[in-house]
Protein backbone atom coordinates (compact mmCIF):
# COMPACT_ATOMS: atom_id res chain seq x y z
CA UNK A 1 152.42 -23.82 120.50
CA UNK A 2 149.55 -21.31 120.18
CA UNK A 3 151.43 -18.92 118.17
CA UNK A 4 152.24 -21.69 115.70
CA UNK A 5 148.68 -22.60 115.22
CA UNK A 6 147.77 -19.09 114.74
CA UNK A 7 150.41 -18.62 112.04
CA UNK A 8 149.21 -21.63 110.36
CA UNK A 9 145.64 -20.36 110.32
CA UNK A 10 146.67 -17.17 109.07
CA UNK A 11 148.73 -18.64 106.20
CA UNK A 12 145.70 -20.76 105.34
CA UNK A 13 143.51 -17.75 105.19
CA UNK A 14 145.93 -16.06 102.89
CA UNK A 15 146.09 -19.16 100.56
CA UNK A 16 142.26 -19.37 100.63
CA UNK A 17 141.90 -15.69 99.63
CA UNK A 18 144.41 -16.23 96.80
CA UNK A 19 142.77 -19.27 95.55
CA UNK A 20 142.10 -20.17 91.84
CA UNK A 21 138.81 -19.60 90.34
CA UNK A 22 137.23 -22.12 88.04
CA UNK A 23 134.53 -21.81 85.28
CA UNK A 24 132.81 -24.98 83.86
CA UNK A 25 130.45 -25.68 80.87
CA UNK A 26 129.48 -28.67 79.03
CA UNK A 27 132.38 -28.18 76.70
CA UNK A 28 135.49 -27.22 78.59
CA UNK A 29 136.88 -26.34 82.06
CA UNK A 30 139.07 -23.15 82.69
CA UNK A 31 140.85 -22.63 86.00
CA UNK A 32 142.79 -19.47 86.84
CA UNK A 33 146.23 -19.75 88.85
CA UNK A 34 145.07 -17.18 91.56
CA UNK A 35 142.27 -14.68 92.33
CA UNK A 36 143.75 -11.74 90.38
CA UNK A 37 141.74 -13.09 87.34
CA UNK A 38 138.10 -12.43 86.77
CA UNK A 39 136.09 -15.17 85.07
CA UNK A 40 132.69 -14.89 83.39
CA UNK A 41 130.48 -17.16 81.52
CA UNK A 42 129.02 -15.59 78.34
CA UNK A 43 125.60 -16.93 76.80
CA UNK A 44 126.14 -15.52 73.43
CA UNK A 45 126.84 -18.61 71.70
CA UNK A 46 124.30 -21.05 73.42
CA UNK A 47 122.88 -23.34 72.51
CA UNK A 48 125.62 -24.25 69.89
CA UNK A 49 128.56 -23.50 71.85
CA UNK A 50 129.98 -21.74 74.90
CA UNK A 51 132.13 -18.56 75.65
CA UNK A 52 134.33 -17.77 78.63
CA UNK A 53 135.99 -14.26 79.24
CA UNK A 54 138.97 -14.12 81.56
CA UNK A 55 140.58 -10.77 82.51
CA UNK A 56 143.32 -9.16 84.79
CA UNK A 57 142.94 -5.57 85.84
CA UNK A 58 145.29 -2.81 87.16
CA UNK A 59 144.91 -0.79 90.21
CA UNK A 60 142.60 1.65 88.29
CA UNK A 61 140.28 -1.07 86.98
CA UNK A 62 141.57 -0.86 83.42
CA UNK A 63 142.39 -4.11 81.60
CA UNK A 64 145.82 -5.30 81.60
CA UNK A 65 145.21 -8.46 79.64
CA UNK A 66 142.48 -10.72 78.74
CA UNK A 67 141.38 -13.82 76.88
CA UNK A 68 138.40 -15.05 75.28
CA UNK A 69 137.64 -18.74 74.66
CA UNK A 70 134.90 -19.70 72.23
CA UNK A 71 133.86 -23.40 71.32
CA UNK A 72 131.23 -23.90 68.66
CA UNK A 73 129.73 -27.15 67.81
CA UNK A 74 130.15 -27.90 64.12
CA UNK A 75 133.84 -28.43 62.67
CA UNK A 76 134.97 -25.64 60.41
CA UNK A 77 138.31 -25.21 58.70
CA UNK A 78 140.46 -23.36 61.19
CA UNK A 79 142.37 -21.32 58.47
CA UNK A 80 139.16 -20.06 56.86
CA UNK A 81 137.19 -19.55 60.22
CA UNK A 82 140.25 -17.53 61.46
CA UNK A 83 140.30 -15.39 58.22
CA UNK A 84 136.55 -14.92 58.32
CA UNK A 85 136.16 -13.95 61.91
CA UNK A 86 139.30 -12.17 62.66
CA UNK A 87 141.14 -10.86 59.45
CA UNK A 88 137.83 -9.85 57.89
CA UNK A 89 136.74 -8.44 61.23
CA UNK A 90 133.51 -10.18 61.54
CA UNK A 91 133.84 -10.62 65.11
CA UNK A 92 132.98 -7.63 67.21
CA UNK A 93 136.42 -7.90 69.19
CA UNK A 94 138.25 -7.16 65.91
CA UNK A 95 136.19 -4.32 64.42
CA UNK A 96 139.00 -1.72 65.31
CA UNK A 97 142.02 -4.18 64.88
CA UNK A 98 145.05 -3.17 62.87
CA UNK A 99 148.35 -4.40 61.76
CA UNK A 100 147.48 -8.09 60.99
CA UNK A 101 150.38 -10.38 60.47
CA UNK A 102 150.35 -13.29 57.94
CA UNK A 103 148.34 -16.36 59.35
CA UNK A 104 150.87 -18.91 60.63
CA UNK A 105 150.66 -22.63 62.05
CA UNK A 106 151.10 -23.31 65.83
CA UNK A 107 149.77 -25.64 68.41
CA UNK A 108 147.24 -25.25 71.20
CA UNK A 109 145.56 -27.80 73.51
CA UNK A 110 147.56 -30.60 71.60
CA UNK A 111 146.06 -29.59 68.39
CA UNK A 112 147.41 -28.13 65.18
CA UNK A 113 146.23 -24.61 65.14
CA UNK A 114 146.10 -21.37 62.90
CA UNK A 115 147.32 -18.18 64.38
CA UNK A 116 147.26 -14.38 63.55
CA UNK A 117 148.61 -11.32 65.74
CA UNK A 118 147.34 -7.80 65.57
CA UNK A 119 147.05 -4.67 67.46
CA UNK A 120 143.96 -2.89 69.00
CA UNK A 121 143.63 0.28 70.75
CA UNK A 122 141.04 0.66 73.57
CA UNK A 123 140.60 3.26 76.39
CA UNK A 124 144.02 5.09 75.21
CA UNK A 125 145.79 1.88 75.71
CA UNK A 126 147.21 -0.37 72.85
CA UNK A 127 147.14 -4.02 73.12
CA UNK A 128 149.20 -6.71 71.33
CA UNK A 129 146.64 -9.56 70.39
CA UNK A 130 146.72 -13.13 69.06
CA UNK A 131 143.77 -15.18 67.73
CA UNK A 132 144.13 -18.81 67.45
CA UNK A 133 141.65 -21.28 65.79
CA UNK A 134 141.72 -25.12 65.88
CA UNK A 135 139.45 -28.18 65.90
CA UNK A 136 138.51 -30.26 68.94
CA UNK A 137 136.38 -33.32 67.91
CA UNK A 138 133.56 -32.09 65.86
CA UNK A 139 133.78 -28.56 67.19
CA UNK A 140 135.69 -25.31 66.42
CA UNK A 141 137.68 -23.35 68.95
CA UNK A 142 138.53 -19.75 68.74
CA UNK A 143 140.94 -18.16 71.32
CA UNK A 144 141.61 -14.46 71.55
CA UNK A 145 144.15 -12.99 73.78
CA UNK A 146 145.23 -9.47 74.23
CA UNK A 147 147.88 -7.78 76.69
CA UNK A 148 148.80 -4.38 77.17
CA UNK A 149 151.78 -3.38 74.83
CA UNK A 150 154.98 -3.22 76.89
CA UNK A 151 153.77 -5.10 79.93
CA UNK A 152 154.50 -8.80 80.40
CA UNK A 153 151.75 -11.23 79.55
CA UNK A 154 150.74 -13.94 81.93
CA UNK A 155 147.49 -15.24 80.22
CA UNK A 156 149.43 -18.40 79.03
CA UNK A 157 149.44 -19.60 82.53
CA UNK A 158 145.35 -19.32 82.35
CA UNK A 159 145.32 -21.03 79.10
CA UNK A 160 147.47 -23.88 80.32
CA UNK A 161 144.65 -24.77 82.56
CA UNK A 162 142.18 -25.13 79.70
CA UNK A 163 140.64 -28.66 79.39
CA UNK A 164 138.06 -29.89 77.05
CA UNK A 165 135.33 -32.30 78.35
CA UNK A 166 133.79 -32.98 74.89
CA UNK A 167 134.48 -36.01 72.76
CA UNK A 168 138.02 -35.15 71.21
CA UNK A 169 138.07 -37.85 68.66
CA UNK A 170 139.25 -36.35 65.36
CA UNK A 171 136.84 -36.11 62.40
CA UNK A 172 138.99 -36.64 59.66
CA UNK A 173 136.68 -38.95 57.40
CA UNK A 174 133.11 -38.51 56.37
CA UNK A 175 131.92 -41.49 58.52
CA UNK A 176 133.60 -39.87 61.64
CA UNK A 177 132.13 -36.37 60.71
CA UNK A 178 128.62 -38.03 60.24
CA UNK A 179 128.60 -39.77 63.46
CA UNK A 180 129.74 -36.61 65.34
CA UNK A 181 127.11 -34.48 63.75
CA UNK A 182 124.51 -37.13 64.53
CA UNK A 183 125.44 -36.83 68.23
CA UNK A 184 125.11 -33.06 68.12
CA UNK A 185 121.77 -32.93 66.39
CA UNK A 186 120.34 -35.49 68.78
CA UNK A 187 120.56 -32.83 71.32
CA UNK A 188 119.68 -29.83 69.18
CA UNK A 189 119.66 -28.58 65.56
CA UNK A 190 122.75 -26.91 63.99
CA UNK A 191 122.50 -23.65 62.06
CA UNK A 192 123.74 -23.97 58.59
CA UNK A 193 122.94 -20.50 57.26
CA UNK A 194 119.93 -18.88 55.79
CA UNK A 195 118.05 -19.65 59.10
CA UNK A 196 118.01 -23.26 58.17
CA UNK A 197 119.15 -25.90 60.62
CA UNK A 198 120.79 -29.35 60.31
CA UNK A 199 118.53 -31.80 62.06
CA UNK A 200 120.06 -35.23 60.82
CA UNK A 201 122.97 -36.77 59.28
CA UNK A 202 123.52 -40.26 57.66
CA UNK A 203 125.87 -42.29 55.67
CA UNK A 204 124.40 -44.69 53.19
CA UNK A 205 125.18 -48.53 53.89
CA UNK A 206 127.31 -48.72 50.92
CA UNK A 207 129.11 -45.40 52.08
CA UNK A 208 128.57 -43.71 48.89
CA UNK A 209 126.20 -41.03 49.95
CA UNK A 210 126.24 -38.45 52.94
CA UNK A 211 122.58 -37.56 53.44
CA UNK A 212 121.69 -34.15 55.48
CA UNK A 213 118.25 -33.48 56.88
CA UNK A 214 117.77 -29.81 56.69
CA UNK A 215 114.91 -27.97 58.42
CA UNK A 216 113.62 -25.04 56.62
CA UNK A 217 111.55 -22.88 59.10
CA UNK A 218 110.19 -20.22 56.70
CA UNK A 219 108.07 -22.36 54.57
CA UNK A 220 105.78 -25.31 54.69
CA UNK A 221 104.95 -28.10 52.33
CA UNK A 222 101.50 -26.76 51.46
CA UNK A 223 102.64 -23.33 50.25
CA UNK A 224 105.66 -24.17 48.11
CA UNK A 225 106.43 -25.13 44.49
CA UNK A 226 108.43 -28.09 45.08
CA UNK A 227 110.45 -28.25 41.57
CA UNK A 228 111.05 -24.44 41.90
CA UNK A 229 112.27 -24.73 45.44
CA UNK A 230 114.72 -27.52 44.61
CA UNK A 231 115.87 -25.77 41.42
CA UNK A 232 116.58 -22.51 43.60
CA UNK A 233 118.36 -24.60 46.22
CA UNK A 234 120.56 -26.26 43.50
CA UNK A 235 121.48 -22.76 42.18
CA UNK A 236 122.25 -21.47 45.57
CA UNK A 237 124.29 -24.39 46.21
CA UNK A 238 126.62 -24.06 43.19
CA UNK A 239 127.08 -20.50 43.93
CA UNK A 240 128.57 -20.98 47.31
CA UNK A 241 129.93 -24.60 46.83
CA UNK A 242 133.53 -23.62 46.55
CA UNK A 243 133.57 -22.08 50.08
CA UNK A 244 131.10 -24.52 51.60
CA UNK A 245 133.11 -27.48 50.54
CA UNK A 246 136.31 -26.02 52.15
CA UNK A 247 134.78 -24.29 55.17
CA UNK A 248 132.49 -27.09 56.54
CA UNK A 249 134.53 -30.21 57.37
CA UNK A 250 131.52 -32.56 56.74
CA UNK A 251 131.24 -31.40 53.34
CA UNK A 252 134.91 -31.28 53.01
CA UNK A 253 135.48 -34.82 53.74
CA UNK A 254 132.62 -35.91 51.79
CA UNK A 255 133.93 -34.16 48.73
CA UNK A 256 137.46 -35.33 49.38
CA UNK A 257 136.12 -39.04 49.50
CA UNK A 258 133.94 -38.48 46.21
CA UNK A 259 130.72 -39.04 47.96
CA UNK A 260 127.28 -38.02 46.75
CA UNK A 261 125.51 -35.36 48.92
CA UNK A 262 121.86 -35.65 49.30
CA UNK A 263 119.97 -32.97 51.00
CA UNK A 264 116.38 -33.83 52.46
CA UNK A 265 114.59 -30.45 53.09
CA UNK A 266 111.71 -30.60 55.61
CA UNK A 267 109.48 -27.95 57.35
CA UNK A 268 109.14 -27.44 60.96
CA UNK A 269 106.46 -30.00 61.22
CA UNK A 270 108.53 -32.57 59.74
CA UNK A 271 107.02 -32.81 56.22
CA UNK A 272 109.47 -33.34 53.45
CA UNK A 273 109.59 -30.60 51.02
CA UNK A 274 112.06 -31.84 48.54
CA UNK A 275 115.31 -33.62 47.90
CA UNK A 276 118.58 -32.27 46.15
CA UNK A 277 121.22 -34.70 45.11
CA UNK A 278 124.66 -33.50 44.25
CA UNK A 279 127.22 -35.99 42.30
CA UNK A 280 131.00 -35.71 42.97
CA UNK A 281 131.56 -34.91 39.32
CA UNK A 282 129.38 -31.76 39.78
CA UNK A 283 131.34 -30.25 42.69
CA UNK A 284 134.60 -31.36 41.18
CA UNK A 285 133.81 -29.10 38.28
CA UNK A 286 132.82 -26.53 40.57
CA UNK A 287 136.49 -26.62 41.88
CA UNK A 288 137.96 -26.60 38.49
CA UNK A 289 135.97 -23.49 37.46
CA UNK A 290 137.06 -21.86 40.75
CA UNK A 291 140.74 -22.64 40.03
CA UNK A 292 140.36 -21.32 36.58
CA UNK A 293 138.85 -18.04 37.93
CA UNK A 294 141.81 -17.50 40.46
CA UNK A 295 144.27 -18.19 37.78
CA UNK A 296 142.73 -15.62 35.50
CA UNK A 297 142.50 -13.08 38.34
CA UNK A 298 146.27 -13.86 39.27
CA UNK A 299 147.21 -13.23 35.59
CA UNK A 300 145.52 -9.92 35.62
CA UNK A 301 147.14 -8.89 38.78
CA UNK A 302 150.41 -9.81 37.16
CA UNK A 303 149.72 -7.74 34.00
CA UNK A 304 148.72 -4.67 36.11
CA UNK A 305 151.87 -4.79 38.44
CA UNK A 306 155.23 -3.78 37.21
CA UNK A 307 158.26 -5.52 38.54
CA UNK A 308 160.18 -3.63 41.19
CA UNK A 309 163.91 -2.62 41.29
CA UNK A 310 164.78 -5.92 42.87
CA UNK A 311 163.07 -7.88 40.10
CA UNK A 312 164.99 -5.93 37.31
CA UNK A 313 168.16 -6.49 39.13
CA UNK A 314 167.46 -10.27 39.34
CA UNK A 315 166.64 -10.17 35.60
CA UNK A 316 169.84 -8.55 34.85
CA UNK A 317 171.70 -11.10 36.96
CA UNK A 318 169.96 -13.76 34.92
CA UNK A 319 171.29 -12.64 31.68
CA UNK A 320 174.38 -14.48 30.33
CA UNK A 321 177.63 -12.48 30.30
CA UNK A 322 179.39 -11.99 26.84
CA UNK A 323 182.92 -13.09 26.80
CA UNK A 324 184.92 -12.31 23.86
CA UNK A 325 187.59 -14.78 22.96
CA UNK A 326 190.42 -13.93 20.67
CA UNK A 327 190.32 -16.26 17.62
CA UNK A 328 193.41 -18.61 17.24
CA UNK A 329 194.42 -20.03 13.63
CA UNK A 330 194.15 -23.59 14.88
CA UNK A 331 192.29 -25.98 12.79
CA UNK A 332 189.62 -27.88 14.68
CA UNK A 333 188.05 -31.11 13.64
CA UNK A 334 184.30 -30.98 12.55
CA UNK A 335 181.84 -31.54 15.09
CA UNK A 336 179.31 -34.33 14.78
CA UNK A 337 175.53 -33.58 14.82
CA UNK A 338 175.21 -34.93 18.38
CA UNK A 339 178.23 -32.88 19.54
CA UNK A 340 176.77 -29.78 17.94
CA UNK A 341 173.40 -30.29 19.70
CA UNK A 342 175.14 -30.83 22.95
CA UNK A 343 177.39 -27.77 22.56
CA UNK A 344 174.42 -25.58 21.66
CA UNK A 345 172.53 -26.93 24.70
CA UNK A 346 175.50 -25.96 26.97
CA UNK A 347 175.98 -22.64 25.43
CA UNK A 348 172.26 -21.55 25.56
CA UNK A 349 171.72 -19.72 28.77
CA UNK A 350 168.95 -20.76 31.10
CA UNK A 351 165.97 -18.32 30.71
CA UNK A 352 164.53 -17.16 34.28
CA UNK A 353 161.07 -15.94 34.09
CA UNK A 354 160.00 -13.26 36.63
CA UNK A 355 156.46 -13.17 38.11
CA UNK A 356 155.18 -10.67 40.29
CA UNK A 357 152.69 -12.05 43.11
CA UNK A 358 150.56 -9.59 45.09
CA UNK A 359 150.13 -10.88 48.65
CA UNK A 360 146.38 -11.53 49.60
CA UNK A 361 144.75 -12.61 52.66
CA UNK A 362 145.48 -16.15 53.78
CA UNK A 363 148.98 -16.31 51.92
CA UNK A 364 152.12 -17.26 53.26
CA UNK A 365 155.39 -18.27 51.85
CA UNK A 366 154.74 -21.98 51.92
CA UNK A 367 151.40 -21.65 50.08
CA UNK A 368 152.92 -19.14 47.52
CA UNK A 369 155.98 -21.39 46.76
CA UNK A 370 153.62 -24.34 46.37
CA UNK A 371 151.37 -22.52 43.93
CA UNK A 372 154.29 -21.45 41.65
CA UNK A 373 156.21 -24.58 42.03
CA UNK A 374 159.34 -23.01 43.37
CA UNK A 375 161.22 -23.23 46.61
CA UNK A 376 160.47 -21.06 49.56
CA UNK A 377 164.34 -20.16 49.72
CA UNK A 378 164.22 -18.94 46.17
CA UNK A 379 161.49 -16.40 47.05
CA UNK A 380 163.28 -15.27 49.99
CA UNK A 381 166.59 -14.84 47.92
CA UNK A 382 164.66 -12.85 45.22
CA UNK A 383 162.97 -10.75 48.05
CA UNK A 384 165.83 -9.72 50.58
CA UNK A 385 163.19 -7.24 52.47
CA UNK A 386 161.55 -10.59 53.88
CA UNK A 387 162.46 -10.88 57.39
CA UNK A 388 161.49 -13.83 59.59
CA UNK A 389 159.26 -15.36 56.79
CA UNK A 390 156.69 -12.37 57.44
CA UNK A 391 154.66 -10.93 54.49
CA UNK A 392 151.98 -8.46 54.56
CA UNK A 393 148.68 -8.10 52.40
CA UNK A 394 149.32 -5.84 49.43
CA UNK A 395 153.15 -6.78 49.29
CA UNK A 396 154.61 -7.36 45.97
CA UNK A 397 156.82 -10.50 45.78
CA UNK A 398 159.39 -11.34 43.04
CA UNK A 399 158.94 -15.02 42.07
CA UNK A 400 161.65 -16.45 40.06
CA UNK A 401 160.55 -19.26 37.59
CA UNK A 402 162.79 -21.37 35.34
């Protein structure tokens, strides 16, 4: 009996030593499956968010695999956020990254997410990495994982224990975004660029206008020329309107629902400096101008690029085959005008236009197909080199168009 008790106590002691570790903040909780993982809280994102680092080491103390979870208050478009932070290497972790794949859609924490894979070399080891971005309520999550190339990855077991403690209500309308932003700024200001902070958000009673109160810390009401200040703000807004209206989900929903945008600029003492009002017709015009610029740039790219061998082969295949028929001395009745038109339309071969598209950051087959109005399968058939729907930045694609 005494031996059995000792055995049970030893087993309990082993289980205690192999117990899971947990880290918790005001946004999410993460628990590891056992004590082979190291968990740390990083204060880099406070007070606007939280960051947790988790890693597993080998016997020499070198990193076998790791994960980093970022939560940022403020909802941003996951695709643009991932492109900006990871693909464009604004995030410190990605500075030495290479071999980026195309961004693709996935799921994490029950949310639709945007993902990209890449490689990274550190301390003579190569790591297979993946970055995933998605929205949770009125927040943006970025998860970066890395495991040593050739070794099995177990970090998924850790991420399965990631739970969010914030309000996860989707913010898909302007009213929902305003309500969520108001809760955040009640606790602290939200940075919105140029050292400015969002300190209030409100939807008018008739739901026609979204009002944003913006704190400007670098000037005061007494030392500013208000008309000049508002005009400068207006010019600056339109210069970055195209990206802002897509990147920031609060502005994106307001634009999609054709609401007015009113900016109340105040100094740090709460004194109102000036007001800027943007109408839906104005930022709709910005979008049209941006589409026109993109089309012009695309045309220039097409003019500068030359069709590859596959495109030339496709053109040759599209040409009608001439068939010589020996004439027979048989009288045929005269065709009516309608029959003549019908015969000519059938005899006329269908012309296939070939367009060369140069893959840019953020492109994928679905987006390219939608842009040109063709099926994804048509693009894949015209480009046999495409494997598993993967395309690379700078790759030239042949786009068949009727």
